[in-house]
Amino acid sequence: MATRTNPLRDVRPQFIEARSGHLFVSVRRPTHDVTTSVVLLLPAFAEEMNKSRRLLTLQAQTLCEAGFAVAVFDPFGTGDSQGAFGQACVEHWQDDCEDVLNFLAGEGFSECIPLCVRFGALLLDHVLSVSPLAINHAILWQPVTSGAQALNQFLRLQSAANMMSNDAGPSVSDMQTQLKSGTAVEVAGYMVSPQLYTQSQLLKLDTLNTRKLRRIDWFAIAGSSDAPMPAAATRHVQRWNENGLYTRMKVIEGAQFWAATELVVVPELVARTTAAVTSGAHQATQVRIRTRT
């Protein structure tokens, strides 16, 4: 019987010295190809990050099998990286993105495809502004379009938990007031600092500098593949296309992996993401060939 070749030549988990401290980074490299392109996973927020890990591991393995390197990192205050979540703020995470990109440049990569999961999409604009690697293509998984909306929804988790347990805890409005006055609040086991809350208010997908990109693939998850895209998402895509950024939207039938009670995977999302990365790389190659000739 033929032995199946291990598609992962090199999986290197390590800590790098970042401005925020010791930052955990894992880079997977494919077996049969020396690639200068790397897919960088920009993670989701808080518990959504943990619920996404199984799916992202499968996605990374599948991309490696298709010949692409994949980099995953834990931002400051999350996972295995230094710091506590309650110490983290958006500026920490933006610095982490830049430090990881510089690390990848030192590893010999010259091109990057950001794969932005939920809140990770709000870090994309900063990534585009500081990346030493060429970025022409980005992929969005059920992106959060507003940091303010994301944080308020997160606060509602605690308010809902209070109501279910008949606990007369603070309302969303009370927690917002605390944060604005400089007092941290605890939500579902996560301490949210005033700095994180305040800086998140400034994050909007509307501000994305689309001139730095050639293509975006936007994947939404719904109970049916026939479900319409949310109106806000449609407006973003229409605006980007009008500005000359080729943007494709696709609704995929599957479970909301970032919010499911148990860890779930969405095989079609993995397959379509891999196809998008592959076709985007092919297009970039054709552009380089035309430029040289």
Protein backbone atom coordinates (compact mmCIF):
# COMPACT_ATOMS: atom_id res chain seq x y z
CA MET A 1 0.00 0.00 0.00
CA ALA A 2 1.32 3.45 -0.90
CA THR A 3 2.16 5.68 2.02
CA ARG A 4 0.49 9.05 2.00
CA THR A 5 3.00 11.89 2.06
CA ASN A 6 2.71 14.21 4.99
CA PRO A 7 1.56 17.52 3.49
CA LEU A 8 3.11 19.49 6.34
CA ARG A 9 6.84 19.74 5.91
CA ASP A 10 7.37 22.12 8.72
CA VAL A 11 5.06 23.23 11.52
CA ARG A 12 7.00 25.62 13.71
CA PRO A 13 5.34 26.96 16.85
CA GLN A 14 7.53 29.53 18.55
CA PHE A 15 7.62 32.74 20.54
CA ILE A 16 8.90 35.92 18.95
CA GLU A 17 9.94 39.09 20.72
CA ALA A 18 7.24 41.65 19.99
CA ARG A 19 6.60 45.10 21.40
CA SER A 20 3.87 43.58 23.56
CA GLY A 21 6.19 40.86 24.88
CA HIS A 22 6.48 37.17 24.01
CA LEU A 23 4.12 36.54 21.10
CA PHE A 24 3.14 33.01 20.09
CA VAL A 25 3.38 32.39 16.33
CA SER A 26 2.99 29.15 14.40
CA VAL A 27 4.01 28.89 10.74
CA ARG A 28 3.03 25.89 8.65
CA ARG A 29 4.93 25.27 5.42
CA PRO A 30 3.93 22.92 2.60
CA THR A 31 5.98 19.86 1.75
CA HIS A 32 6.72 20.04 -1.95
CA ASP A 33 6.94 23.73 -2.64
CA VAL A 34 9.16 26.60 -1.58
CA THR A 35 6.60 29.37 -1.45
CA THR A 36 7.12 33.07 -0.87
CA SER A 37 3.40 33.62 -0.16
CA VAL A 38 1.87 33.19 3.28
CA VAL A 39 -1.74 33.26 4.47
CA LEU A 40 -1.90 35.23 7.72
CA LEU A 41 -4.86 34.48 9.99
CA LEU A 42 -6.23 37.59 11.73
CA PRO A 43 -8.25 36.11 14.60
CA ALA A 44 -11.67 36.72 16.05
CA PHE A 45 -12.42 38.40 19.39
CA ALA A 46 -12.45 36.81 22.85
CA GLU A 47 -14.39 33.52 23.03
CA GLU A 48 -15.09 33.66 19.28
CA MET A 49 -11.37 33.08 18.79
CA ASN A 50 -11.48 29.88 20.82
CA LYS A 51 -14.58 28.63 19.02
CA SER A 52 -12.81 29.23 15.68
CA ARG A 53 -9.61 27.32 16.44
CA ARG A 54 -10.73 23.88 15.25
CA LEU A 55 -12.02 25.27 11.96
CA LEU A 56 -8.89 27.37 11.44
CA THR A 57 -6.64 24.39 12.09
CA LEU A 58 -8.49 22.46 9.38
CA GLN A 59 -8.22 25.47 7.06
CA ALA A 60 -4.49 25.78 7.67
CA GLN A 61 -3.93 22.07 6.98
CA THR A 62 -5.97 22.26 3.78
CA LEU A 63 -4.09 25.32 2.54
CA CYS A 64 -0.77 23.58 3.24
CA GLU A 65 -1.92 20.60 1.21
CA ALA A 66 -2.67 23.04 -1.62
CA GLY A 67 0.88 24.43 -1.43
CA PHE A 68 0.48 27.54 0.73
CA ALA A 69 2.23 28.52 3.93
CA VAL A 70 0.00 29.63 6.81
CA ALA A 71 0.85 31.79 9.83
CA VAL A 72 -1.25 31.85 13.00
CA PHE A 73 -0.59 34.01 16.05
CA ASP A 74 -2.13 34.72 19.43
CA PRO A 75 -2.44 38.49 19.97
CA PHE A 76 -1.30 39.97 23.28
CA GLY A 77 -3.45 38.80 26.17
CA THR A 78 -4.85 35.78 24.33
CA GLY A 79 -3.91 32.13 23.90
CA ASP A 80 -0.27 31.38 24.70
CA SER A 81 1.02 34.91 24.20
CA GLN A 82 2.13 37.17 27.03
CA GLY A 83 -0.33 39.26 29.00
CA ALA A 84 -3.88 38.99 30.25
CA PHE A 85 -6.92 39.84 28.17
CA GLY A 86 -7.79 42.63 30.59
CA GLN A 87 -4.47 44.32 29.80
CA ALA A 88 -5.02 44.25 26.04
CA CYS A 89 -6.13 47.06 23.75
CA VAL A 90 -6.48 47.56 20.01
CA GLU A 91 -3.09 49.28 19.76
CA HIS A 92 -1.44 46.17 21.25
CA TRP A 93 -3.08 44.00 18.61
CA GLN A 94 -2.17 46.36 15.80
CA ASP A 95 1.46 46.33 16.96
CA ASP A 96 1.32 42.52 17.12
CA CYS A 97 0.14 42.36 13.51
CA GLU A 98 3.03 44.56 12.41
CA ASP A 99 5.58 42.57 14.42
CA VAL A 100 4.32 39.28 12.96
CA LEU A 101 4.50 40.70 9.43
CA ASN A 102 8.08 41.82 10.01
CA PHE A 103 8.91 38.38 11.38
CA LEU A 104 7.42 36.74 8.27
CA ALA A 105 9.44 39.05 6.02
CA GLY A 106 12.55 37.90 7.87
CA GLU A 107 11.49 34.30 7.20
CA GLY A 108 11.70 34.91 3.46
CA PHE A 109 8.07 35.61 2.59
CA SER A 110 7.35 38.45 0.18
CA GLU A 111 3.56 38.23 -0.25
CA CYS A 112 0.73 37.91 2.27
CA ILE A 113 -2.96 36.99 2.00
CA PRO A 114 -4.78 38.05 5.18
CA LEU A 115 -7.60 35.70 6.23
CA CYS A 116 -9.72 37.85 8.53
CA VAL A 117 -12.07 36.10 10.93
CA ARG A 118 -14.88 38.26 12.36
CA PHE A 119 -13.20 41.05 14.43
CA GLY A 120 -9.96 40.34 12.57
CA ALA A 121 -11.40 42.22 9.58
CA LEU A 122 -11.17 45.44 11.62
CA LEU A 123 -7.38 44.97 11.85
CA LEU A 124 -6.98 44.67 8.08
CA ASP A 125 -6.68 48.40 7.37
CA HIS A 126 -3.74 48.69 9.77
CA VAL A 127 -2.16 45.57 8.30
CA LEU A 128 -2.35 47.12 4.84
CA SER A 129 -0.75 50.34 6.07
CA VAL A 130 2.28 48.73 7.76
CA SER A 131 2.96 45.47 5.92
CA PRO A 132 6.45 44.99 4.47
CA LEU A 133 4.91 42.16 2.42
CA ALA A 134 2.88 42.76 -0.74
CA ILE A 135 -0.86 42.34 -0.11
CA ASN A 136 -3.18 42.20 -3.12
CA HIS A 137 -5.88 39.84 -1.90
CA ALA A 138 -7.77 39.46 1.40
CA ILE A 139 -10.42 37.02 2.57
CA LEU A 140 -13.13 37.88 5.09
CA TRP A 141 -15.06 35.34 7.15
CA GLN A 142 -18.33 36.78 8.46
CA PRO A 143 -16.55 40.09 9.10
CA VAL A 144 -17.47 42.49 11.88
CA THR A 145 -18.00 45.89 10.26
CA SER A 146 -17.95 48.09 13.38
CA GLY A 147 -15.84 47.89 16.52
CA ALA A 148 -18.44 49.83 18.48
CA GLN A 149 -21.16 47.39 17.47
CA ALA A 150 -18.94 44.40 18.27
CA LEU A 151 -18.12 45.61 21.78
CA ASN A 152 -21.73 46.49 22.55
CA GLN A 153 -22.84 43.03 21.41
CA PHE A 154 -20.17 41.55 23.66
CA LEU A 155 -21.46 43.55 26.63
CA ARG A 156 -24.95 42.22 25.93
CA LEU A 157 -23.64 38.71 26.58
CA GLN A 158 -23.10 39.62 30.22
CA SER A 159 -26.42 41.41 30.47
CA ALA A 160 -28.22 38.35 29.05
CA ALA A 161 -26.38 36.04 31.45
CA ASN A 162 -27.45 38.24 34.35
CA MET A 163 -31.09 38.04 33.32
CA MET A 164 -31.00 34.26 32.86
CA SER A 165 -29.58 33.80 36.36
CA ASN A 166 -31.92 36.39 37.89
CA ASP A 167 -28.83 38.35 38.84
CA ALA A 168 -29.42 42.07 39.17
CA GLY A 169 -26.09 42.80 37.51
CA PRO A 170 -25.24 45.91 35.50
CA SER A 171 -27.09 46.64 32.27
CA VAL A 172 -25.32 47.29 28.99
CA SER A 173 -25.75 51.01 29.61
CA ASP A 174 -24.25 50.65 33.09
CA MET A 175 -21.20 48.81 31.73
CA GLN A 176 -20.73 51.40 28.99
CA THR A 177 -20.78 54.12 31.63
CA GLN A 178 -18.21 52.25 33.73
CA LEU A 179 -15.89 51.82 30.76
CA LYS A 180 -16.21 55.43 29.71
CA SER A 181 -15.35 56.51 33.25
CA GLY A 182 -12.18 54.40 33.20
CA THR A 183 -13.32 51.25 35.03
CA ALA A 184 -12.86 47.79 33.54
CA VAL A 185 -15.82 45.40 33.37
CA GLU A 186 -15.98 41.61 33.26
CA VAL A 187 -17.93 39.95 30.45
CA ALA A 188 -18.28 36.16 30.23
CA GLY A 189 -15.02 35.70 32.11
CA TYR A 190 -13.10 38.31 30.09
CA MET A 191 -11.99 41.59 31.61
CA VAL A 192 -12.55 44.43 29.15
CA SER A 193 -10.34 47.46 29.71
CA PRO A 194 -11.48 51.04 29.10
CA GLN A 195 -8.67 51.36 26.53
CA LEU A 196 -9.92 48.35 24.56
CA TYR A 197 -13.48 49.65 24.63
CA THR A 198 -12.52 53.20 23.61
CA GLN A 199 -10.12 52.20 20.84
CA SER A 200 -12.60 49.69 19.42
CA GLN A 201 -15.08 52.53 18.84
CA LEU A 202 -12.78 53.87 16.13
CA LEU A 203 -12.62 50.65 14.10
CA LYS A 204 -14.83 50.56 11.02
CA LEU A 205 -14.63 48.44 7.89
CA ASP A 206 -15.79 51.57 6.03
CA THR A 207 -12.34 53.08 6.48
CA LEU A 208 -10.53 50.23 4.69
CA ASN A 209 -7.99 51.64 2.24
CA THR A 210 -9.16 49.69 -0.80
CA ARG A 211 -6.50 51.25 -3.06
CA LYS A 212 -3.96 48.86 -1.54
CA LEU A 213 -5.93 45.77 -2.62
CA ARG A 214 -6.92 44.18 -5.91
CA ARG A 215 -9.40 41.61 -4.61
CA ILE A 216 -11.53 40.68 -1.60
CA ASP A 217 -13.50 37.47 -1.07
CA TRP A 218 -16.29 37.89 1.51
CA PHE A 219 -17.83 34.71 2.93
CA ALA A 220 -20.98 34.81 5.04
CA ILE A 221 -22.48 31.89 6.96
CA ALA A 222 -26.24 31.31 7.03
CA GLY A 223 -28.76 28.53 7.56
CA SER A 224 -29.26 28.32 3.80
CA SER A 225 -27.04 29.12 0.84
CA ASP A 226 -30.04 30.92 -0.66
CA ALA A 227 -30.18 33.42 2.20
CA PRO A 228 -29.63 37.02 1.10
CA MET A 229 -26.52 38.88 2.13
CA PRO A 230 -27.14 41.44 4.89
CA ALA A 231 -27.89 44.88 3.52
CA ALA A 232 -24.86 46.41 5.26
CA ALA A 233 -22.56 43.83 3.67
CA THR A 234 -24.06 44.45 0.24
CA ARG A 235 -23.46 48.19 0.60
CA HIS A 236 -19.79 47.61 1.45
CA VAL A 237 -19.27 45.37 -1.55
CA GLN A 238 -21.06 47.68 -3.95
CA ARG A 239 -18.96 50.61 -2.77
CA TRP A 240 -15.72 48.65 -3.09
CA ASN A 241 -16.58 47.43 -6.57
CA GLU A 242 -17.48 50.99 -7.62
CA ASN A 243 -14.04 52.06 -6.38
CA GLY A 244 -12.38 49.47 -8.58
CA LEU A 245 -11.77 46.75 -5.97
CA TYR A 246 -12.91 43.39 -7.27
CA THR A 247 -15.06 41.98 -4.45
CA ARG A 248 -16.90 38.67 -4.44
CA MET A 249 -19.55 37.70 -1.91
CA LYS A 250 -20.74 34.21 -1.16
CA VAL A 251 -23.30 32.90 1.34
CA ILE A 252 -22.34 29.46 2.65
CA GLU A 253 -24.73 27.12 4.38
CA GLY A 254 -23.41 26.08 7.77
CA ALA A 255 -23.33 26.58 11.51
CA GLN A 256 -22.22 29.86 13.03
CA PHE A 257 -18.86 28.47 14.13
CA TRP A 258 -17.98 31.59 16.17
CA ALA A 259 -21.10 31.31 18.34
CA ALA A 260 -21.98 27.59 18.39
CA THR A 261 -22.24 25.84 21.75
CA GLU A 262 -19.89 23.10 20.54
CA LEU A 263 -16.88 23.40 18.24
CA VAL A 264 -18.01 22.98 14.65
CA VAL A 265 -16.45 23.01 11.20
CA VAL A 266 -17.88 24.26 7.93
CA PRO A 267 -16.31 22.11 5.17
CA GLU A 268 -17.65 24.25 2.32
CA LEU A 269 -16.11 27.36 3.86
CA VAL A 270 -12.73 25.61 4.00
CA ALA A 271 -13.05 24.41 0.40
CA ARG A 272 -14.14 27.78 -0.98
CA THR A 273 -11.46 29.64 0.96
CA THR A 274 -8.79 27.33 -0.41
CA ALA A 275 -10.15 27.81 -3.93
CA ALA A 276 -10.16 31.60 -3.47
CA VAL A 277 -6.54 31.63 -2.26
CA THR A 278 -5.51 29.40 -5.17
CA SER A 279 -7.26 31.48 -7.82
CA GLY A 280 -6.00 34.72 -6.27
CA ALA A 281 -2.43 33.42 -6.37
CA HIS A 282 -2.89 32.45 -10.03
CA GLN A 283 -4.18 35.93 -10.87
CA ALA A 284 -1.24 37.55 -9.06
CA THR A 285 1.17 35.38 -11.03
CA GLN A 286 -0.44 36.43 -14.30
CA VAL A 287 -0.17 40.10 -13.30
CA ARG A 288 3.54 39.68 -12.55
CA ILE A 289 4.11 37.95 -15.89
CA ARG A 290 2.32 40.73 -17.79
CA THR A 291 4.31 43.37 -15.86
CA ARG A 292 7.61 41.74 -16.75
CA THR A 293 6.73 41.47 -20.42
